[in-house]
Each structure stands twice: as structure tokens, then as C-alpha cells.
């Protein structure tokens, strides 16, 4: 059957034109138009003014802090999120449902409450902070504290993305691999990970996107010290409080462009991995 014939076949659920039009309108109102307005406001300064704001040392330092800590947090979440998903799917133990429920806690907990709680724990006089302070390690009010806050709010995205794929992966695949002589490391690297790769990349992208734009849970533990622990979302708020709306729009546009570029690359890698290993077809 040709592609044209398949295209002309009536769908079981009619109304493609109506639903597609509603999708375009909704997408335009919620995402496209605000993004265009943001870019137009940023370019209103002219290219010289735009680059003057973009290349400001304080802006560059905040971008570096936000994106580096977000990447580190997303990478850590991929490792431990995969392990947590594996334990929740493959093992049955007392309190498993409680642990499973705790994974979703960052979804329900207000970000400001999470930030205050993390600061109380990791501050120099906090429960954990005072234990590591004699070792010369300072967590709160440093990029390390920012990373911990981002790990906290990003972990559920990785776990909940990988968990359904693991549930669909049969034990028989692992048993067949062992029967053919593969050891545990070979089974993980050659049998399990290729099937999990798209889900892992998706979880990484979601955790990174959430972390890089996070505000409420980070500002308390960050300390907001310029050139040290100041994140870009906070700098945008500072510019707004100064009534420098064009400057805030420039910083937001730069952050939007970098985030979109990184997520686009991640999606390309994800699509390649699906074609490479034959998943998601």
C-alpha cells in the first residue's frame, strides 16, 4: 500500500483539522508568542546594546554557574536515578512503596520549602554542614550547594522516565544473555543499557531543563554571591527589580538560546540511539 493511499484512509478518530488547529493556536499562545516577544524586547537594544549586556562579566559568570551545575546535577541524577529505578522495579523489600512515594516528593514540595530545608541541613551550622566544616568543606552558599539543590529537584524526572522501560524489560532477556555466556557487566552494557539509552537521555534532558531554570529551591542555598554562586534566573529577577526590562530580556534570551541548543542536541542523540538500537520504532 502506497503512502498516499495510507494518508487518504479515514482515521478511526475524526477531527484532525480541528485538533491540529487547536494545537497550533495553543502552542502559539502559550509558547511561541511569548518567546517571540522576549526576543523582540531583547533586540530592541540594538546589536551593540545586546552584546554589551550579553558579554558582561557578571552575566557570563551567572550563566557558567547555572549551566555547569545543572549539567553536573543531571549527570549525577542519571547514575543514581537509574539505580533507584532498577531497585524499585527489580526487587521487592519492606518499605518499597514508601521509597517509591518519596521519589515524587520534589514534585509536590514547594520549591521555597525545599530550599529552606536544604539550607538548614547544609549550612555551616546545619546537621550536615557542621560535620564537614572541620574538613574545610563548605556546601551552602557555594556552587556545591546549588548542585545539591538541583539534584534534589531533578531526580524524580530520571527515575520516572526510566522506571516504565525497566518494567517492560523482561527477565528472560537477562537470562538469555547469561545462558549465552555473558557475564553481568556484559549483560548490563550490551543488553540492558542500549534499550535504556533513549529513556536515560530523556531523563537527563528533563532533569537538566528543570535544574537550569530552577529558582525557588536554589536561591536560599546559593547565597547569591556575584561571580561565585549567583544563578542566572536570580540575575534576571535583579534586573527586573532595577526596572531594566531590556537587560533582563537579553539575559533570558541568551539562556533560552543555550538551553534550546543543548536540548536539541540531546534530542538528536536520542533519536540516533533509537534508530541505532531499533527502539521506539
Protein backbone atom coordinates (compact mmCIF):
# COMPACT_ATOMS: atom_id res chain seq x y z
CA UNK A 1 0.00 0.00 0.00
CA UNK A 2 1.40 3.33 -1.02
CA UNK A 3 1.98 6.24 1.33
CA UNK A 4 -0.67 8.29 -0.49
CA UNK A 5 -3.27 5.56 -0.05
CA UNK A 6 -2.49 5.25 3.66
CA UNK A 7 -2.75 9.02 4.02
CA UNK A 8 -6.23 9.07 2.44
CA UNK A 9 -7.57 6.34 4.70
CA UNK A 10 -10.08 7.74 7.23
CA UNK A 11 -8.85 7.80 10.80
CA UNK A 12 -10.73 5.95 13.49
CA UNK A 13 -10.91 9.20 15.46
CA UNK A 14 -12.02 12.04 13.16
CA UNK A 15 -11.32 15.73 13.54
CA UNK A 16 -7.67 16.04 12.61
CA UNK A 17 -8.12 19.54 11.21
CA UNK A 18 -9.87 20.80 14.34
CA UNK A 19 -7.43 19.24 16.80
CA UNK A 20 -4.41 20.28 14.74
CA UNK A 21 -5.67 23.85 14.55
CA UNK A 22 -6.34 23.92 18.30
CA UNK A 23 -2.82 22.59 18.89
CA UNK A 24 -1.26 25.32 16.78
CA UNK A 25 -3.29 28.05 18.49
CA UNK A 26 -2.49 26.72 21.95
CA UNK A 27 1.21 26.32 21.10
CA UNK A 28 1.35 29.84 19.69
CA UNK A 29 -0.39 31.48 22.64
CA UNK A 30 1.46 29.63 25.37
CA UNK A 31 4.94 29.21 23.89
CA UNK A 32 5.62 30.80 20.52
CA UNK A 33 4.22 34.31 21.03
CA UNK A 34 5.85 34.83 24.47
CA UNK A 35 9.19 33.63 23.10
CA UNK A 36 8.96 35.94 20.10
CA UNK A 37 8.02 38.85 22.37
CA UNK A 38 11.01 38.10 24.57
CA UNK A 39 13.40 38.09 21.62
CA UNK A 40 11.92 41.29 20.20
CA UNK A 41 12.29 43.02 23.55
CA UNK A 42 15.90 41.88 23.79
CA UNK A 43 16.79 43.02 20.27
CA UNK A 44 15.19 46.39 20.94
CA UNK A 45 18.52 47.48 22.43
CA UNK A 46 20.22 47.01 19.08
CA UNK A 47 23.07 44.61 18.45
CA UNK A 48 25.62 46.76 20.25
CA UNK A 49 23.44 47.03 23.34
CA UNK A 50 22.53 43.35 23.14
CA UNK A 51 26.16 42.21 23.10
CA UNK A 52 27.11 44.73 25.78
CA UNK A 53 24.66 43.03 28.14
CA UNK A 54 25.43 39.51 26.92
CA UNK A 55 29.20 39.81 27.37
CA UNK A 56 29.02 41.45 30.78
CA UNK A 57 31.30 39.56 33.15
CA UNK A 58 28.59 39.14 35.78
CA UNK A 59 26.17 37.69 33.22
CA UNK A 60 28.78 35.27 31.90
CA UNK A 61 29.65 34.17 35.42
CA UNK A 62 25.98 33.50 36.25
CA UNK A 63 25.49 31.54 33.02
CA UNK A 64 28.55 29.45 33.79
CA UNK A 65 27.30 28.74 37.30
CA UNK A 66 23.79 27.82 36.15
CA UNK A 67 24.72 25.57 33.24
CA UNK A 68 27.74 23.85 34.78
CA UNK A 69 25.91 22.98 37.99
CA UNK A 70 22.83 21.88 36.02
CA UNK A 71 24.91 19.57 33.83
CA UNK A 72 26.68 18.07 36.83
CA UNK A 73 23.40 17.60 38.69
CA UNK A 74 21.72 15.97 35.67
CA UNK A 75 24.70 13.63 35.19
CA UNK A 76 24.61 12.55 38.84
CA UNK A 77 20.85 12.07 38.64
CA UNK A 78 21.26 9.81 35.62
CA UNK A 79 23.56 7.49 37.57
CA UNK A 80 21.66 7.34 40.83
CA UNK A 81 18.23 7.73 39.24
CA UNK A 82 18.90 4.64 37.11
CA UNK A 83 20.00 2.69 40.20
CA UNK A 84 16.90 3.75 42.15
CA UNK A 85 14.62 2.82 39.24
CA UNK A 86 16.39 -0.54 38.97
CA UNK A 87 15.91 -1.29 42.68
CA UNK A 88 12.25 -0.26 42.66
CA UNK A 89 11.49 -2.44 39.62
CA UNK A 90 13.68 -5.49 40.14
CA UNK A 91 13.43 -6.01 43.91
CA UNK A 92 10.67 -6.38 46.50
CA UNK A 93 11.57 -5.26 50.02
CA UNK A 94 9.81 -3.83 53.10
CA UNK A 95 9.08 -0.13 52.67
CA UNK A 96 9.37 -0.25 48.89
CA UNK A 97 6.13 1.67 48.38
CA UNK A 98 7.29 4.33 50.84
CA UNK A 99 10.56 4.77 48.95
CA UNK A 100 8.63 4.89 45.69
CA UNK A 101 6.39 7.63 47.10
CA UNK A 102 9.36 9.63 48.40
CA UNK A 103 10.75 9.80 44.87
CA UNK A 104 7.84 12.07 43.91
CA UNK A 105 8.29 14.34 46.92
CA UNK A 106 10.16 17.08 44.95
CA UNK A 107 7.16 17.26 42.61
CA UNK A 108 4.74 18.08 45.44
CA UNK A 109 7.03 20.05 47.76
CA UNK A 110 7.05 23.84 47.17
CA UNK A 111 10.45 24.83 45.87
CA UNK A 112 10.90 27.52 48.53
CA UNK A 113 10.29 24.94 51.28
CA UNK A 114 12.86 22.64 49.68
CA UNK A 115 15.38 25.47 49.51
CA UNK A 116 14.90 26.41 53.16
CA UNK A 117 15.17 22.76 54.26
CA UNK A 118 18.35 22.16 52.24
CA UNK A 119 19.89 25.36 53.58
CA UNK A 120 19.09 24.35 57.15
CA UNK A 121 20.77 20.99 56.61
CA UNK A 122 23.86 22.08 54.68
CA UNK A 123 24.55 25.48 56.26
CA UNK A 124 27.78 25.71 58.32
CA UNK A 125 25.71 25.26 61.50
CA UNK A 126 23.38 22.67 59.96
CA UNK A 127 23.24 18.94 60.61
CA UNK A 128 25.46 18.01 57.67
CA UNK A 129 27.26 21.32 57.27
CA UNK A 130 28.78 21.25 60.74
CA UNK A 131 30.07 17.72 60.16
CA UNK A 132 32.04 18.65 57.03
CA UNK A 133 33.05 22.14 58.15
CA UNK A 134 36.10 20.88 60.12
CA UNK A 135 37.31 19.26 56.89
CA UNK A 136 37.31 22.64 55.16
CA UNK A 137 34.28 21.74 53.05
CA UNK A 138 31.57 24.36 52.67
CA UNK A 139 28.35 23.29 50.99
CA UNK A 140 25.79 26.04 51.44
CA UNK A 141 26.39 29.34 49.66
CA UNK A 142 28.68 27.69 47.11
CA UNK A 143 28.18 26.02 43.70
CA UNK A 144 28.26 22.69 45.55
CA UNK A 145 25.10 23.67 47.41
CA UNK A 146 23.47 24.73 44.14
CA UNK A 147 24.31 21.34 42.63
CA UNK A 148 22.76 19.51 45.59
CA UNK A 149 19.55 21.53 45.28
CA UNK A 150 19.39 20.78 41.55
CA UNK A 151 19.95 17.08 42.21
CA UNK A 152 17.06 17.12 44.68
CA UNK A 153 14.56 18.66 42.27
CA UNK A 154 15.74 16.73 39.18
CA UNK A 155 15.96 13.16 40.48
CA UNK A 156 12.25 12.25 40.01
CA UNK A 157 12.43 13.09 36.30
CA UNK A 158 15.11 10.46 35.73
CA UNK A 159 13.53 7.78 37.91
CA UNK A 160 10.04 8.16 36.46
CA UNK A 161 11.36 8.17 32.90
CA UNK A 162 13.47 5.03 33.23
CA UNK A 163 11.16 3.06 35.52
CA UNK A 164 8.47 2.19 32.91
CA UNK A 165 11.09 0.99 30.43
CA UNK A 166 12.62 -1.30 33.05
CA UNK A 167 9.17 -2.68 33.89
CA UNK A 168 8.71 -3.61 30.22
CA UNK A 169 12.13 -5.28 30.04
CA UNK A 170 11.66 -8.99 30.67
CA UNK A 171 13.92 -11.01 32.96
CA UNK A 172 14.13 -13.52 30.13
CA UNK A 173 16.41 -11.16 28.21
CA UNK A 174 18.90 -11.16 31.06
CA UNK A 175 18.59 -14.90 31.50
CA UNK A 176 19.16 -15.47 27.78
CA UNK A 177 22.27 -13.30 27.93
CA UNK A 178 23.62 -15.32 30.85
CA UNK A 179 22.80 -18.56 29.07
CA UNK A 180 24.87 -17.43 26.09
CA UNK A 181 27.86 -16.92 28.36
CA UNK A 182 27.73 -13.19 29.06
CA UNK A 183 28.80 -12.01 32.48
CA UNK A 184 26.88 -9.39 34.46
CA UNK A 185 28.90 -6.48 33.11
CA UNK A 186 28.37 -7.60 29.51
CA UNK A 187 24.66 -8.08 30.15
CA UNK A 188 24.35 -4.56 31.52
CA UNK A 189 26.48 -2.85 28.87
CA UNK A 190 25.37 -4.79 25.80
CA UNK A 191 21.81 -5.89 26.57
CA UNK A 192 20.21 -3.54 29.10
CA UNK A 193 21.84 -0.15 28.53
CA UNK A 194 21.16 0.02 24.75
CA UNK A 195 17.45 -0.41 25.45
CA UNK A 196 17.55 2.14 28.26
CA UNK A 197 19.63 4.70 26.35
CA UNK A 198 16.69 6.71 24.93
CA UNK A 199 14.98 6.82 28.34
CA UNK A 200 18.23 7.79 30.06
CA UNK A 201 18.78 10.63 27.59
CA UNK A 202 15.19 11.78 28.07
CA UNK A 203 15.59 11.75 31.83
CA UNK A 204 18.86 13.64 31.53
CA UNK A 205 17.24 16.29 29.32
CA UNK A 206 14.27 16.71 31.68
CA UNK A 207 16.47 16.93 34.77
CA UNK A 208 18.81 19.39 33.06
CA UNK A 209 15.95 21.58 31.81
CA UNK A 210 14.37 21.68 35.27
CA UNK A 211 17.68 22.41 37.00
CA UNK A 212 18.92 25.17 34.70
CA UNK A 213 15.75 27.19 35.18
CA UNK A 214 15.22 26.42 38.85
CA UNK A 215 14.83 29.39 41.17
CA UNK A 216 12.94 28.76 44.41
CA UNK A 217 14.93 25.83 45.80
CA UNK A 218 18.30 27.29 44.74
CA UNK A 219 18.31 30.93 45.84
CA UNK A 220 18.32 30.10 49.56
CA UNK A 221 21.23 27.65 49.47
CA UNK A 222 23.14 29.53 46.76
CA UNK A 223 23.95 32.58 48.81
CA UNK A 224 23.65 34.62 45.61
CA UNK A 225 27.22 35.90 45.67
CA UNK A 226 28.12 37.56 42.31
CA UNK A 227 30.84 35.70 40.38
CA UNK A 228 30.65 32.83 42.90
CA UNK A 229 27.15 31.41 43.44
CA UNK A 230 24.79 33.72 41.58
CA UNK A 231 22.47 31.87 39.19
CA UNK A 232 21.09 33.37 36.00
CA UNK A 233 17.37 33.23 36.98
CA UNK A 234 18.21 35.33 40.05
CA UNK A 235 20.15 37.83 37.95
CA UNK A 236 17.11 38.18 35.69
CA UNK A 237 14.95 38.95 38.74
CA UNK A 238 17.52 41.50 39.92
CA UNK A 239 17.41 43.27 36.55
CA UNK A 240 13.60 43.32 36.71
CA UNK A 241 13.70 44.85 40.17
CA UNK A 242 16.01 47.51 38.75
CA UNK A 243 13.38 48.17 36.06
CA UNK A 244 15.97 47.15 33.48
CA UNK A 245 13.46 45.13 31.46
CA UNK A 246 15.53 45.12 28.28
CA UNK A 247 18.58 43.82 30.13
CA UNK A 248 16.50 41.08 31.76
CA UNK A 249 15.10 40.14 28.33
CA UNK A 250 18.62 39.89 26.88
CA UNK A 251 19.79 37.57 29.66
CA UNK A 252 16.64 35.47 29.33
CA UNK A 253 17.09 35.25 25.56
CA UNK A 254 20.68 34.07 25.92
CA UNK A 255 19.61 31.47 28.45
CA UNK A 256 16.78 30.37 26.17
CA UNK A 257 19.12 30.02 23.18
CA UNK A 258 21.71 27.98 25.10
CA UNK A 259 19.08 25.73 26.70
CA UNK A 260 17.29 25.12 23.40
CA UNK A 261 20.55 24.30 21.63
CA UNK A 262 21.61 21.80 24.29
CA UNK A 263 18.20 20.13 24.40
CA UNK A 264 18.12 19.98 20.60
CA UNK A 265 21.46 18.18 20.55
CA UNK A 266 20.26 15.78 23.26
CA UNK A 267 17.13 15.03 21.23
CA UNK A 268 19.24 14.34 18.14
CA UNK A 269 21.37 11.90 20.11
CA UNK A 270 18.23 10.31 21.50
CA UNK A 271 16.76 9.88 18.01
CA UNK A 272 20.04 8.40 16.79
CA UNK A 273 20.14 5.92 19.66
CA UNK A 274 16.62 4.79 18.88
CA UNK A 275 17.47 4.20 15.24
CA UNK A 276 20.77 2.59 16.18
CA UNK A 277 19.29 0.03 18.53
CA UNK A 278 15.85 -0.24 16.97
CA UNK A 279 13.83 1.07 19.90
CA UNK A 280 10.85 3.35 19.63
CA UNK A 281 10.10 2.37 16.03
